[in-house]
PDB file of N, CA and C in Angstrom:
ATOM      1  N   MET A   1       0.991  -1.014   0.011  1.00  0.00           N
ATOM      2  CA  MET A   1      -0.213  -0.228   0.397  1.00  0.00           C
ATOM      3  C   MET A   1       0.622   1.248  -0.141  1.00  0.00           C
ATOM      4  N   VAL A   2       0.857   2.088  -1.111  1.00  0.00           N
ATOM      5  CA  VAL A   2       1.408   3.694  -1.256  1.00  0.00           C
ATOM      6  C   VAL A   2       0.401   4.706  -0.361  1.00  0.00           C
ATOM      7  N   GLU A   3       1.114   5.184   0.827  1.00  0.00           N
ATOM      8  CA  GLU A   3      -0.315   6.294   0.872  1.00  0.00           C
ATOM      9  C   GLU A   3       0.834   7.722   1.015  1.00  0.00           C
ATOM     10  N   PHE A   4       0.104   8.994   0.461  1.00  0.00           N
ATOM     11  CA  PHE A   4       0.889  10.214   0.766  1.00  0.00           C
ATOM     12  C   PHE A   4      -0.553  10.382   1.672  1.00  0.00           C
ATOM     13  N   LYS A   5      -0.091  11.911   2.720  1.00  0.00           N
ATOM     14  CA  LYS A   5      -0.557  12.454   3.266  1.00  0.00           C
ATOM     15  C   LYS A   5      -0.705  14.312   3.325  1.00  0.00           C
ATOM     16  N   THR A   6      -1.910  14.717   3.660  1.00  0.00           N
ATOM     17  CA  THR A   6      -1.627  15.933   3.330  1.00  0.00           C
ATOM     18  C   THR A   6      -3.182  16.771   4.688  1.00  0.00           C
ATOM     19  N   ASN A   7      -1.687  17.538   5.876  1.00  0.00           N
ATOM     20  CA  ASN A   7      -2.293  17.935   6.960  1.00  0.00           C
ATOM     21  C   ASN A   7      -2.742  16.236   7.168  1.00  0.00           C
ATOM     22  N   LYS A   8      -4.358  16.636   8.024  1.00  0.00           N
ATOM     23  CA  LYS A   8      -4.582  14.914   8.340  1.00  0.00           C
ATOM     24  C   LYS A   8      -5.632  14.314   7.639  1.00  0.00           C
ATOM     25  N   ILE A   9      -5.567  14.495   6.524  1.00  0.00           N
ATOM     26  CA  ILE A   9      -5.476  13.579   5.415  1.00  0.00           C
ATOM     27  C   ILE A   9      -5.191  12.260   4.552  1.00  0.00           C
ATOM     28  N   VAL A  10      -5.586  11.395   4.626  1.00  0.00           N
ATOM     29  CA  VAL A  10      -4.429   9.708   4.000  1.00  0.00           C
ATOM     30  C   VAL A  10      -5.047   9.702   3.376  1.00  0.00           C
ATOM     31  N   VAL A  11      -4.256   9.881   1.627  1.00  0.00           N
ATOM     32  CA  VAL A  11      -5.467   9.472   0.639  1.00  0.00           C
ATOM     33  C   VAL A  11      -3.836   7.835   0.494  1.00  0.00           C
ATOM     34  N   LEU A  12      -5.277   6.290   0.374  1.00  0.00           N
ATOM     35  CA  LEU A  12      -4.931   6.127  -0.207  1.00  0.00           C
ATOM     36  C   LEU A  12      -4.665   5.796  -1.690  1.00  0.00           C
ATOM     37  N   ASN A  13      -3.217   4.876  -2.298  1.00  0.00           N
ATOM     38  CA  ASN A  13      -3.070   5.550  -3.408  1.00  0.00           C
ATOM     39  C   ASN A  13      -3.472   4.989  -4.117  1.00  0.00           C
ATOM     40  N   ARG A  14      -2.465   3.658  -4.678  1.00  0.00           N
ATOM     41  CA  ARG A  14      -2.755   2.319  -4.921  1.00  0.00           C
ATOM     42  C   ARG A  14      -2.277   0.921  -3.595  1.00  0.00           C
ATOM     43  N   ALA A  15      -1.731  -0.540  -4.521  1.00  0.00           N
ATOM     44  CA  ALA A  15      -1.807  -1.392  -3.383  1.00  0.00           C
ATOM     45  C   ALA A  15      -0.640  -2.602  -4.248  1.00  0.00           C
ATOM     46  N   PHE A  16       0.271  -2.954  -3.868  1.00  0.00           N
ATOM     47  CA  PHE A  16       0.602  -3.702  -5.135  1.00  0.00           C
ATOM     48  C   PHE A  16       1.934  -4.966  -4.202  1.00  0.00           C
ATOM     49  N   ILE A  17       2.380  -5.947  -4.808  1.00  0.00           N
ATOM     50  CA  ILE A  17       2.990  -6.692  -4.249  1.00  0.00           C
ATOM     51  C   ILE A  17       4.487  -6.910  -5.074  1.00  0.00           C
ATOM     52  N   LYS A  18       5.667  -6.336  -3.510  1.00  0.00           N
ATOM     53  CA  LYS A  18       7.271  -5.921  -3.772  1.00  0.00           C
ATOM     54  C   LYS A  18       7.848  -7.141  -4.033  1.00  0.00           C
ATOM     55  N   LYS A  19       7.873  -7.804  -5.774  1.00  0.00           N
ATOM     56  CA  LYS A  19       8.487  -9.220  -6.271  1.00  0.00           C
ATOM     57  C   LYS A  19       9.768  -8.518  -5.598  1.00  0.00           C
ATOM     58  N   THR A  20      10.751  -7.722  -5.264  1.00  0.00           N
ATOM     59  CA  THR A  20      12.226  -7.535  -5.556  1.00  0.00           C
ATOM     60  C   THR A  20      12.169  -5.792  -4.091  1.00  0.00           C
ATOM     61  N   ARG A  21      12.898  -5.873  -3.956  1.00  0.00           N
ATOM     62  CA  ARG A  21      13.713  -4.882  -2.527  1.00  0.00           C
ATOM     63  C   ARG A  21      13.063  -3.239  -3.496  1.00  0.00           C
ATOM     64  N   LYS A  22      13.759  -3.487  -4.412  1.00  0.00           N
ATOM     65  CA  LYS A  22      13.909  -2.048  -5.025  1.00  0.00           C
ATOM     66  C   LYS A  22      12.389  -1.796  -5.559  1.00  0.00           C
ATOM     67  N   THR A  23      11.079  -0.761  -5.207  1.00  0.00           N
ATOM     68  CA  THR A  23       9.775  -0.351  -5.457  1.00  0.00           C
ATOM     69  C   THR A  23      10.858   0.626  -6.907  1.00  0.00           C
ATOM     70  N   PRO A  24       9.519  -0.571  -8.402  1.00  0.00           N
ATOM     71  CA  PRO A  24       9.563  -0.257 -10.286  1.00  0.00           C
ATOM     72  C   PRO A  24       9.396   1.194  -9.845  1.00  0.00           C
ATOM     73  N   LYS A  25      10.482   2.038 -11.171  1.00  0.00           N
ATOM     74  CA  LYS A  25      10.352   3.186 -11.272  1.00  0.00           C
ATOM     75  C   LYS A  25       9.219   3.874 -11.526  1.00  0.00           C
ATOM     76  N   ARG A  26       7.955   2.913 -12.676  1.00  0.00           N
ATOM     77  CA  ARG A  26       7.155   3.005 -13.283  1.00  0.00           C
ATOM     78  C   ARG A  26       5.574   3.383 -12.329  1.00  0.00           C
ATOM     79  N   ASP A  27       6.520   1.973 -11.247  1.00  0.00           N
ATOM     80  CA  ASP A  27       5.203   2.293  -9.563  1.00  0.00           C
ATOM     81  C   ASP A  27       5.247   3.860  -9.077  1.00  0.00           C
ATOM     82  N   ILE A  28       6.108   4.043  -8.617  1.00  0.00           N
ATOM     83  CA  ILE A  28       6.637   5.829  -8.079  1.00  0.00           C
ATOM     84  C   ILE A  28       6.560   7.254  -9.150  1.00  0.00           C
ATOM     85  N   GLU A  29       6.599   6.283 -10.146  1.00  0.00           N
ATOM     86  CA  GLU A  29       6.451   8.363 -10.920  1.00  0.00           C
ATOM     87  C   GLU A  29       4.546   7.910 -10.946  1.00  0.00           C
ATOM     88  N   THR A  30       3.939   6.102 -11.465  1.00  0.00           N
ATOM     89  CA  THR A  30       2.216   7.174 -11.590  1.00  0.00           C
ATOM     90  C   THR A  30       2.404   6.758 -10.308  1.00  0.00           C
ATOM     91  N   ILE A  31       2.145   6.968  -9.132  1.00  0.00           N
ATOM     92  CA  ILE A  31       1.820   7.439  -7.361  1.00  0.00           C
ATOM     93  C   ILE A  31       2.751   8.630  -7.526  1.00  0.00           C
ATOM     94  N   GLU A  32       3.506   8.895  -7.607  1.00  0.00           N
ATOM     95  CA  GLU A  32       3.925  11.142  -8.224  1.00  0.00           C
ATOM     96  C   GLU A  32       2.627  11.711  -8.641  1.00  0.00           C
ATOM     97  N   GLN A  33       2.098  11.007  -9.631  1.00  0.00           N
ATOM     98  CA  GLN A  33       1.096  11.780 -10.942  1.00  0.00           C
ATOM     99  C   GLN A  33       0.163  11.523  -9.988  1.00  0.00           C
ATOM    100  N   ARG A  34      -0.022  10.831  -9.747  1.00  0.00           N
ATOM    101  CA  ARG A  34      -1.633  11.036  -8.962  1.00  0.00           C
ATOM    102  C   ARG A  34      -1.577  11.886  -7.491  1.00  0.00           C
ATOM    103  N   LYS A  35      -0.264  12.085  -7.182  1.00  0.00           N
ATOM    104  CA  LYS A  35      -0.765  12.615  -5.914  1.00  0.00           C
ATOM    105  C   LYS A  35      -0.640  13.797  -6.665  1.00  0.00           C
ATOM    106  N   ARG A  36      -0.204  14.320  -7.477  1.00  0.00           N
ATOM    107  CA  ARG A  36       0.319  15.771  -8.597  1.00  0.00           C
ATOM    108  C   ARG A  36      -0.802  16.545  -8.209  1.00  0.00           C
ATOM    109  N   GLU A  37      -1.759  15.108  -8.713  1.00  0.00           N
ATOM    110  CA  GLU A  37      -3.363  15.169  -9.936  1.00  0.00           C
ATOM    111  C   GLU A  37      -4.254  15.835  -8.290  1.00  0.00           C
ATOM    112  N   TYR A  38      -4.464  14.751  -7.289  1.00  0.00           N
ATOM    113  CA  TYR A  38      -5.150  14.174  -6.292  1.00  0.00           C
ATOM    114  C   TYR A  38      -4.785  16.304  -5.422  1.00  0.00           C
ATOM    115  N   MET A  39      -3.674  17.361  -5.358  1.00  0.00           N
ATOM    116  CA  MET A  39      -2.617  17.843  -4.455  1.00  0.00           C
ATOM    117  C   MET A  39      -4.166  19.665  -5.444  1.00  0.00           C
ATOM    118  N   ARG A  40      -3.223  19.251  -6.851  1.00  0.00           N
ATOM    119  CA  ARG A  40      -4.124  20.208  -8.186  1.00  0.00           C
ATOM    120  C   ARG A  40      -6.121  20.143  -7.669  1.00  0.00           C
ATOM    121  N   ARG A  41      -6.103  19.021  -7.715  1.00  0.00           N
ATOM    122  CA  ARG A  41      -7.966  19.175  -7.649  1.00  0.00           C
ATOM    123  C   ARG A  41      -8.067  19.251  -6.390  1.00  0.00           C
ATOM    124  N   LYS A  42      -7.034  19.649  -5.261  1.00  0.00           N
ATOM    125  CA  LYS A  42      -7.736  19.624  -3.815  1.00  0.00           C
ATOM    126  C   LYS A  42      -7.900  21.513  -3.888  1.00  0.00           C
ATOM    127  N   TYR A  43      -6.932  21.383  -4.434  1.00  0.00           N
ATOM    128  CA  TYR A  43      -6.818  23.548  -4.101  1.00  0.00           C
ATOM    129  C   TYR A  43      -6.841  24.036  -4.505  1.00  0.00           C
ATOM    130  N   HIS A  44      -7.423  23.770  -6.255  1.00  0.00           N
ATOM    131  CA  HIS A  44      -7.345  24.686  -7.455  1.00  0.00           C
ATOM    132  C   HIS A  44      -9.357  25.081  -7.867  1.00  0.00           C
ATOM    133  N   GLU A  45      -9.994  23.419  -7.157  1.00  0.00           N
ATOM    134  CA  GLU A  45     -10.805  23.701  -7.726  1.00  0.00           C
ATOM    135  C   GLU A  45     -12.401  23.866  -6.894  1.00  0.00           C
TER     136      GLU A  45
END
């Protein structure tokens, strides 16, 4: 499970099963993009 926090809100982004020690770059990029989209919608609408 990956999450990011804004003040006291926890947003659960997605869950995945890690098969290696390192999180794949594509998963990190996807999560970061979703966070940016969430923050944009939250503060600009």
